[in-house]
Amino acid sequence: MGKKSTFSEISGRSTQELAQIEAELAAKRFTLRVQHAVGQLENTAEIRKTRRELARVKMALKSKTANQRT
């Protein structure tokens, strides 16, 4: 997930892929937060980008699981 992905690109992925991406982004977000707290983070905008990307993935994953139940 190097570049910003649109919601349609994200929602086209499988549920397993989305779960894996969610875990990776959550770990990246945690690492960025720790780096920021310690003062090692140079680009603080990366926290915001990662948070929003994680939200997109979570929303796509939630919509896919809701569609499977119906």
PDB file of N, CA and C in Angstrom:
ATOM      1  N   MET A   1       0.822  -1.172   0.000  1.00  0.00           N
ATOM      2  CA  MET A   1       0.000   0.000   0.000  1.00  0.00           C
ATOM      3  C   MET A   1       0.875   1.249   0.000  1.00  0.00           C
ATOM      4  N   GLY A   2       1.747   1.351  -0.947  1.00  0.00           N
ATOM      5  CA  GLY A   2       2.635   2.487  -1.003  1.00  0.00           C
ATOM      6  C   GLY A   2       1.949   3.787  -1.379  1.00  0.00           C
ATOM      7  N   LYS A   3       1.108   3.748  -2.413  1.00  0.00           N
ATOM      8  CA  LYS A   3       0.438   4.969  -2.839  1.00  0.00           C
ATOM      9  C   LYS A   3      -1.004   4.955  -2.364  1.00  0.00           C
ATOM     10  N   LYS A   4      -1.637   6.109  -2.450  1.00  0.00           N
ATOM     11  CA  LYS A   4      -3.033   6.218  -2.051  1.00  0.00           C
ATOM     12  C   LYS A   4      -3.907   5.423  -3.015  1.00  0.00           C
ATOM     13  N   SER A   5      -4.770   4.607  -2.474  1.00  0.00           N
ATOM     14  CA  SER A   5      -5.671   3.813  -3.288  1.00  0.00           C
ATOM     15  C   SER A   5      -7.078   4.378  -3.181  1.00  0.00           C
ATOM     16  N   THR A   6      -7.793   4.308  -4.295  1.00  0.00           N
ATOM     17  CA  THR A   6      -9.173   4.756  -4.251  1.00  0.00           C
ATOM     18  C   THR A   6     -10.027   3.663  -3.622  1.00  0.00           C
ATOM     19  N   PHE A   7     -11.215   4.044  -3.200  1.00  0.00           N
ATOM     20  CA  PHE A   7     -12.088   3.074  -2.549  1.00  0.00           C
ATOM     21  C   PHE A   7     -12.472   1.956  -3.499  1.00  0.00           C
ATOM     22  N   SER A   8     -12.673   2.273  -4.763  1.00  0.00           N
ATOM     23  CA  SER A   8     -13.056   1.234  -5.729  1.00  0.00           C
ATOM     24  C   SER A   8     -11.930   0.221  -5.934  1.00  0.00           C
ATOM     25  N   GLU A   9     -10.686   0.665  -5.895  1.00  0.00           N
ATOM     26  CA  GLU A   9      -9.552  -0.254  -6.007  1.00  0.00           C
ATOM     27  C   GLU A   9      -9.485  -1.162  -4.782  1.00  0.00           C
ATOM     28  N   ILE A  10      -9.739  -0.579  -3.626  1.00  0.00           N
ATOM     29  CA  ILE A  10      -9.665  -1.346  -2.384  1.00  0.00           C
ATOM     30  C   ILE A  10     -10.814  -2.345  -2.306  1.00  0.00           C
ATOM     31  N   SER A  11     -12.022  -1.910  -2.647  1.00  0.00           N
ATOM     32  CA  SER A  11     -13.182  -2.786  -2.516  1.00  0.00           C
ATOM     33  C   SER A  11     -13.163  -3.934  -3.524  1.00  0.00           C
ATOM     34  N   GLY A  12     -12.328  -3.841  -4.537  1.00  0.00           N
ATOM     35  CA  GLY A  12     -12.205  -4.918  -5.508  1.00  0.00           C
ATOM     36  C   GLY A  12     -11.368  -6.086  -5.021  1.00  0.00           C
ATOM     37  N   ARG A  13     -10.769  -5.952  -3.878  1.00  0.00           N
ATOM     38  CA  ARG A  13      -9.921  -7.014  -3.335  1.00  0.00           C
ATOM     39  C   ARG A  13     -10.752  -8.009  -2.538  1.00  0.00           C
ATOM     40  N   SER A  14     -10.166  -9.179  -2.292  1.00  0.00           N
ATOM     41  CA  SER A  14     -10.877 -10.209  -1.533  1.00  0.00           C
ATOM     42  C   SER A  14     -10.861  -9.877  -0.043  1.00  0.00           C
ATOM     43  N   THR A  15     -11.709 -10.555   0.692  1.00  0.00           N
ATOM     44  CA  THR A  15     -11.823 -10.328   2.133  1.00  0.00           C
ATOM     45  C   THR A  15     -10.507 -10.667   2.842  1.00  0.00           C
ATOM     46  N   GLN A  16      -9.850 -11.730   2.418  1.00  0.00           N
ATOM     47  CA  GLN A  16      -8.576 -12.123   3.031  1.00  0.00           C
ATOM     48  C   GLN A  16      -7.501 -11.074   2.773  1.00  0.00           C
ATOM     49  N   GLU A  17      -7.451 -10.557   1.553  1.00  0.00           N
ATOM     50  CA  GLU A  17      -6.482  -9.508   1.235  1.00  0.00           C
ATOM     51  C   GLU A  17      -6.735  -8.264   2.069  1.00  0.00           C
ATOM     52  N   LEU A  18      -8.003  -7.900   2.212  1.00  0.00           N
ATOM     53  CA  LEU A  18      -8.347  -6.719   2.997  1.00  0.00           C
ATOM     54  C   LEU A  18      -7.961  -6.895   4.462  1.00  0.00           C
ATOM     55  N   ALA A  19      -8.175  -8.084   4.989  1.00  0.00           N
ATOM     56  CA  ALA A  19      -7.800  -8.345   6.384  1.00  0.00           C
ATOM     57  C   ALA A  19      -6.288  -8.242   6.565  1.00  0.00           C
ATOM     58  N   GLN A  20      -5.534  -8.736   5.593  1.00  0.00           N
ATOM     59  CA  GLN A  20      -4.073  -8.660   5.657  1.00  0.00           C
ATOM     60  C   GLN A  20      -3.611  -7.203   5.557  1.00  0.00           C
ATOM     61  N   ILE A  21      -4.194  -6.444   4.659  1.00  0.00           N
ATOM     62  CA  ILE A  21      -3.837  -5.036   4.496  1.00  0.00           C
ATOM     63  C   ILE A  21      -4.192  -4.259   5.758  1.00  0.00           C
ATOM     64  N   GLU A  22      -5.339  -4.583   6.357  1.00  0.00           N
ATOM     65  CA  GLU A  22      -5.745  -3.917   7.594  1.00  0.00           C
ATOM     66  C   GLU A  22      -4.715  -4.148   8.704  1.00  0.00           C
ATOM     67  N   ALA A  23      -4.248  -5.373   8.827  1.00  0.00           N
ATOM     68  CA  ALA A  23      -3.247  -5.682   9.854  1.00  0.00           C
ATOM     69  C   ALA A  23      -1.940  -4.936   9.594  1.00  0.00           C
ATOM     70  N   GLU A  24      -1.531  -4.879   8.331  1.00  0.00           N
ATOM     71  CA  GLU A  24      -0.293  -4.178   7.979  1.00  0.00           C
ATOM     72  C   GLU A  24      -0.405  -2.680   8.279  1.00  0.00           C
ATOM     73  N   LEU A  25      -1.539  -2.090   7.912  1.00  0.00           N
ATOM     74  CA  LEU A  25      -1.718  -0.660   8.144  1.00  0.00           C
ATOM     75  C   LEU A  25      -1.834  -0.336   9.631  1.00  0.00           C
ATOM     76  N   ALA A  26      -2.458  -1.221  10.393  1.00  0.00           N
ATOM     77  CA  ALA A  26      -2.561  -1.001  11.838  1.00  0.00           C
ATOM     78  C   ALA A  26      -1.178  -1.044  12.480  1.00  0.00           C
ATOM     79  N   ALA A  27      -0.344  -1.978  12.034  1.00  0.00           N
ATOM     80  CA  ALA A  27       1.021  -2.061  12.551  1.00  0.00           C
ATOM     81  C   ALA A  27       1.832  -0.833  12.147  1.00  0.00           C
ATOM     82  N   LYS A  28       1.649  -0.383  10.907  1.00  0.00           N
ATOM     83  CA  LYS A  28       2.358   0.808  10.434  1.00  0.00           C
ATOM     84  C   LYS A  28       1.928   2.039  11.228  1.00  0.00           C
ATOM     85  N   ARG A  29       0.623   2.144  11.493  1.00  0.00           N
ATOM     86  CA  ARG A  29       0.106   3.272  12.259  1.00  0.00           C
ATOM     87  C   ARG A  29       0.707   3.290  13.662  1.00  0.00           C
ATOM     88  N   PHE A  30       0.783   2.123  14.281  1.00  0.00           N
ATOM     89  CA  PHE A  30       1.365   2.041  15.620  1.00  0.00           C
ATOM     90  C   PHE A  30       2.831   2.474  15.593  1.00  0.00           C
ATOM     91  N   THR A  31       3.575   1.982  14.617  1.00  0.00           N
ATOM     92  CA  THR A  31       4.989   2.332  14.497  1.00  0.00           C
ATOM     93  C   THR A  31       5.165   3.835  14.299  1.00  0.00           C
ATOM     94  N   LEU A  32       4.329   4.421  13.453  1.00  0.00           N
ATOM     95  CA  LEU A  32       4.418   5.862  13.209  1.00  0.00           C
ATOM     96  C   LEU A  32       4.096   6.653  14.476  1.00  0.00           C
ATOM     97  N   ARG A  33       3.098   6.201  15.239  1.00  0.00           N
ATOM     98  CA  ARG A  33       2.745   6.891  16.478  1.00  0.00           C
ATOM     99  C   ARG A  33       3.888   6.833  17.486  1.00  0.00           C
ATOM    100  N   VAL A  34       4.554   5.693  17.581  1.00  0.00           N
ATOM    101  CA  VAL A  34       5.683   5.554  18.500  1.00  0.00           C
ATOM    102  C   VAL A  34       6.836   6.444  18.059  1.00  0.00           C
ATOM    103  N   GLN A  35       7.134   6.426  16.760  1.00  0.00           N
ATOM    104  CA  GLN A  35       8.203   7.271  16.236  1.00  0.00           C
ATOM    105  C   GLN A  35       7.912   8.744  16.487  1.00  0.00           C
ATOM    106  N   HIS A  36       6.654   9.144  16.332  1.00  0.00           N
ATOM    107  CA  HIS A  36       6.274  10.529  16.556  1.00  0.00           C
ATOM    108  C   HIS A  36       6.444  10.903  18.031  1.00  0.00           C
ATOM    109  N   ALA A  37       6.070   9.995  18.909  1.00  0.00           N
ATOM    110  CA  ALA A  37       6.183  10.262  20.348  1.00  0.00           C
ATOM    111  C   ALA A  37       7.638  10.403  20.784  1.00  0.00           C
ATOM    112  N   VAL A  38       8.509   9.643  20.155  1.00  0.00           N
ATOM    113  CA  VAL A  38       9.925   9.668  20.506  1.00  0.00           C
ATOM    114  C   VAL A  38      10.647  10.816  19.810  1.00  0.00           C
ATOM    115  N   GLY A  39      10.038  11.350  18.752  1.00  0.00           N
ATOM    116  CA  GLY A  39      10.648  12.452  18.028  1.00  0.00           C
ATOM    117  C   GLY A  39      11.478  12.016  16.842  1.00  0.00           C
ATOM    118  N   GLN A  40      11.286  10.799  16.372  1.00  0.00           N
ATOM    119  CA  GLN A  40      12.069  10.282  15.254  1.00  0.00           C
ATOM    120  C   GLN A  40      11.353  10.422  13.907  1.00  0.00           C
ATOM    121  N   LEU A  41      10.097  10.831  13.927  1.00  0.00           N
ATOM    122  CA  LEU A  41       9.315  10.894  12.697  1.00  0.00           C
ATOM    123  C   LEU A  41       9.548  12.228  11.994  1.00  0.00           C
ATOM    124  N   GLU A  42       9.968  12.154  10.731  1.00  0.00           N
ATOM    125  CA  GLU A  42      10.241  13.365   9.964  1.00  0.00           C
ATOM    126  C   GLU A  42       8.990  13.883   9.267  1.00  0.00           C
ATOM    127  N   ASN A  43       8.214  12.970   8.659  1.00  0.00           N
ATOM    128  CA  ASN A  43       7.031  13.366   7.904  1.00  0.00           C
ATOM    129  C   ASN A  43       5.783  13.008   8.715  1.00  0.00           C
ATOM    130  N   THR A  44       5.269  13.963   9.464  1.00  0.00           N
ATOM    131  CA  THR A  44       4.115  13.696  10.321  1.00  0.00           C
ATOM    132  C   THR A  44       2.830  13.508   9.518  1.00  0.00           C
ATOM    133  N   ALA A  45       2.794  13.940   8.285  1.00  0.00           N
ATOM    134  CA  ALA A  45       1.617  13.748   7.444  1.00  0.00           C
ATOM    135  C   ALA A  45       1.381  12.276   7.136  1.00  0.00           C
ATOM    136  N   GLU A  46       2.412  11.471   7.280  1.00  0.00           N
ATOM    137  CA  GLU A  46       2.300  10.036   7.024  1.00  0.00           C
ATOM    138  C   GLU A  46       1.316   9.382   8.001  1.00  0.00           C
ATOM    139  N   ILE A  47       1.225   9.904   9.222  1.00  0.00           N
ATOM    140  CA  ILE A  47       0.280   9.372  10.206  1.00  0.00           C
ATOM    141  C   ILE A  47      -1.142   9.549   9.688  1.00  0.00           C
ATOM    142  N   ARG A  48      -1.441  10.717   9.203  1.00  0.00           N
ATOM    143  CA  ARG A  48      -2.775  11.029   8.695  1.00  0.00           C
ATOM    144  C   ARG A  48      -3.118  10.178   7.477  1.00  0.00           C
ATOM    145  N   LYS A  49      -2.168  10.041   6.559  1.00  0.00           N
ATOM    146  CA  LYS A  49      -2.402   9.246   5.355  1.00  0.00           C
ATOM    147  C   LYS A  49      -2.676   7.787   5.713  1.00  0.00           C
ATOM    148  N   THR A  50      -1.901   7.264   6.644  1.00  0.00           N
ATOM    149  CA  THR A  50      -2.064   5.873   7.051  1.00  0.00           C
ATOM    150  C   THR A  50      -3.405   5.670   7.749  1.00  0.00           C
ATOM    151  N   ARG A  51      -3.782   6.615   8.607  1.00  0.00           N
ATOM    152  CA  ARG A  51      -5.055   6.518   9.321  1.00  0.00           C
ATOM    153  C   ARG A  51      -6.225   6.499   8.342  1.00  0.00           C
ATOM    154  N   ARG A  52      -6.176   7.342   7.342  1.00  0.00           N
ATOM    155  CA  ARG A  52      -7.261   7.407   6.366  1.00  0.00           C
ATOM    156  C   ARG A  52      -7.302   6.174   5.470  1.00  0.00           C
ATOM    157  N   GLU A  53      -6.144   5.687   5.093  1.00  0.00           N
ATOM    158  CA  GLU A  53      -6.080   4.470   4.284  1.00  0.00           C
ATOM    159  C   GLU A  53      -6.645   3.285   5.075  1.00  0.00           C
ATOM    160  N   LEU A  54      -6.315   3.222   6.356  1.00  0.00           N
ATOM    161  CA  LEU A  54      -6.838   2.171   7.227  1.00  0.00           C
ATOM    162  C   LEU A  54      -8.365   2.266   7.320  1.00  0.00           C
ATOM    163  N   ALA A  55      -8.886   3.469   7.408  1.00  0.00           N
ATOM    164  CA  ALA A  55     -10.337   3.658   7.459  1.00  0.00           C
ATOM    165  C   ALA A  55     -10.992   3.182   6.168  1.00  0.00           C
ATOM    166  N   ARG A  56     -10.380   3.448   5.030  1.00  0.00           N
ATOM    167  CA  ARG A  56     -10.923   2.979   3.749  1.00  0.00           C
ATOM    168  C   ARG A  56     -10.976   1.455   3.705  1.00  0.00           C
ATOM    169  N   VAL A  57      -9.904   0.824   4.160  1.00  0.00           N
ATOM    170  CA  VAL A  57      -9.846  -0.640   4.147  1.00  0.00           C
ATOM    171  C   VAL A  57     -10.890  -1.216   5.096  1.00  0.00           C
ATOM    172  N   LYS A  58     -11.021  -0.631   6.283  1.00  0.00           N
ATOM    173  CA  LYS A  58     -12.012  -1.123   7.238  1.00  0.00           C
ATOM    174  C   LYS A  58     -13.429  -0.978   6.695  1.00  0.00           C
ATOM    175  N   MET A  59     -13.702   0.131   6.019  1.00  0.00           N
ATOM    176  CA  MET A  59     -15.026   0.355   5.463  1.00  0.00           C
ATOM    177  C   MET A  59     -15.315  -0.657   4.352  1.00  0.00           C
ATOM    178  N   ALA A  60     -14.352  -0.932   3.506  1.00  0.00           N
ATOM    179  CA  ALA A  60     -14.529  -1.912   2.436  1.00  0.00           C
ATOM    180  C   ALA A  60     -14.738  -3.304   3.018  1.00  0.00           C
ATOM    181  N   LEU A  61     -13.969  -3.630   4.045  1.00  0.00           N
ATOM    182  CA  LEU A  61     -14.089  -4.944   4.684  1.00  0.00           C
ATOM    183  C   LEU A  61     -15.456  -5.099   5.341  1.00  0.00           C
ATOM    184  N   LYS A  62     -15.919  -4.050   5.993  1.00  0.00           N
ATOM    185  CA  LYS A  62     -17.222  -4.099   6.643  1.00  0.00           C
ATOM    186  C   LYS A  62     -18.341  -4.240   5.624  1.00  0.00           C
ATOM    187  N   SER A  63     -18.243  -3.532   4.508  1.00  0.00           N
ATOM    188  CA  SER A  63     -19.294  -3.639   3.488  1.00  0.00           C
ATOM    189  C   SER A  63     -19.297  -5.007   2.836  1.00  0.00           C
ATOM    190  N   LYS A  64     -18.123  -5.608   2.653  1.00  0.00           N
ATOM    191  CA  LYS A  64     -18.052  -6.942   2.071  1.00  0.00           C
ATOM    192  C   LYS A  64     -18.665  -7.977   3.008  1.00  0.00           C
ATOM    193  N   THR A  65     -18.365  -7.888   4.294  1.00  0.00           N
ATOM    194  CA  THR A  65     -18.926  -8.855   5.238  1.00  0.00           C
ATOM    195  C   THR A  65     -20.435  -8.661   5.384  1.00  0.00           C
ATOM    196  N   ALA A  66     -20.914  -7.419   5.288  1.00  0.00           N
ATOM    197  CA  ALA A  66     -22.354  -7.161   5.368  1.00  0.00           C
ATOM    198  C   ALA A  66     -23.060  -7.735   4.141  1.00  0.00           C
ATOM    199  N   ASN A  67     -22.427  -7.651   2.980  1.00  0.00           N
ATOM    200  CA  ASN A  67     -23.020  -8.196   1.755  1.00  0.00           C
ATOM    201  C   ASN A  67     -23.044  -9.709   1.778  1.00  0.00           C
ATOM    202  N   GLN A  68     -22.087 -10.341   2.421  1.00  0.00           N
ATOM    203  CA  GLN A  68     -22.035 -11.806   2.488  1.00  0.00           C
ATOM    204  C   GLN A  68     -23.144 -12.349   3.378  1.00  0.00           C
ATOM    205  N   ARG A  69     -23.543 -11.582   4.396  1.00  0.00           N
ATOM    206  CA  ARG A  69     -24.594 -12.036   5.299  1.00  0.00           C
ATOM    207  C   ARG A  69     -25.969 -11.965   4.653  1.00  0.00           C
ATOM    208  N   THR A  70     -26.122 -11.095   3.690  1.00  0.00           N
ATOM    209  CA  THR A  70     -27.424 -10.888   3.081  1.00  0.00           C
ATOM    210  C   THR A  70     -27.748 -11.919   2.040  1.00  0.00           C
TER     211      THR A  70
END
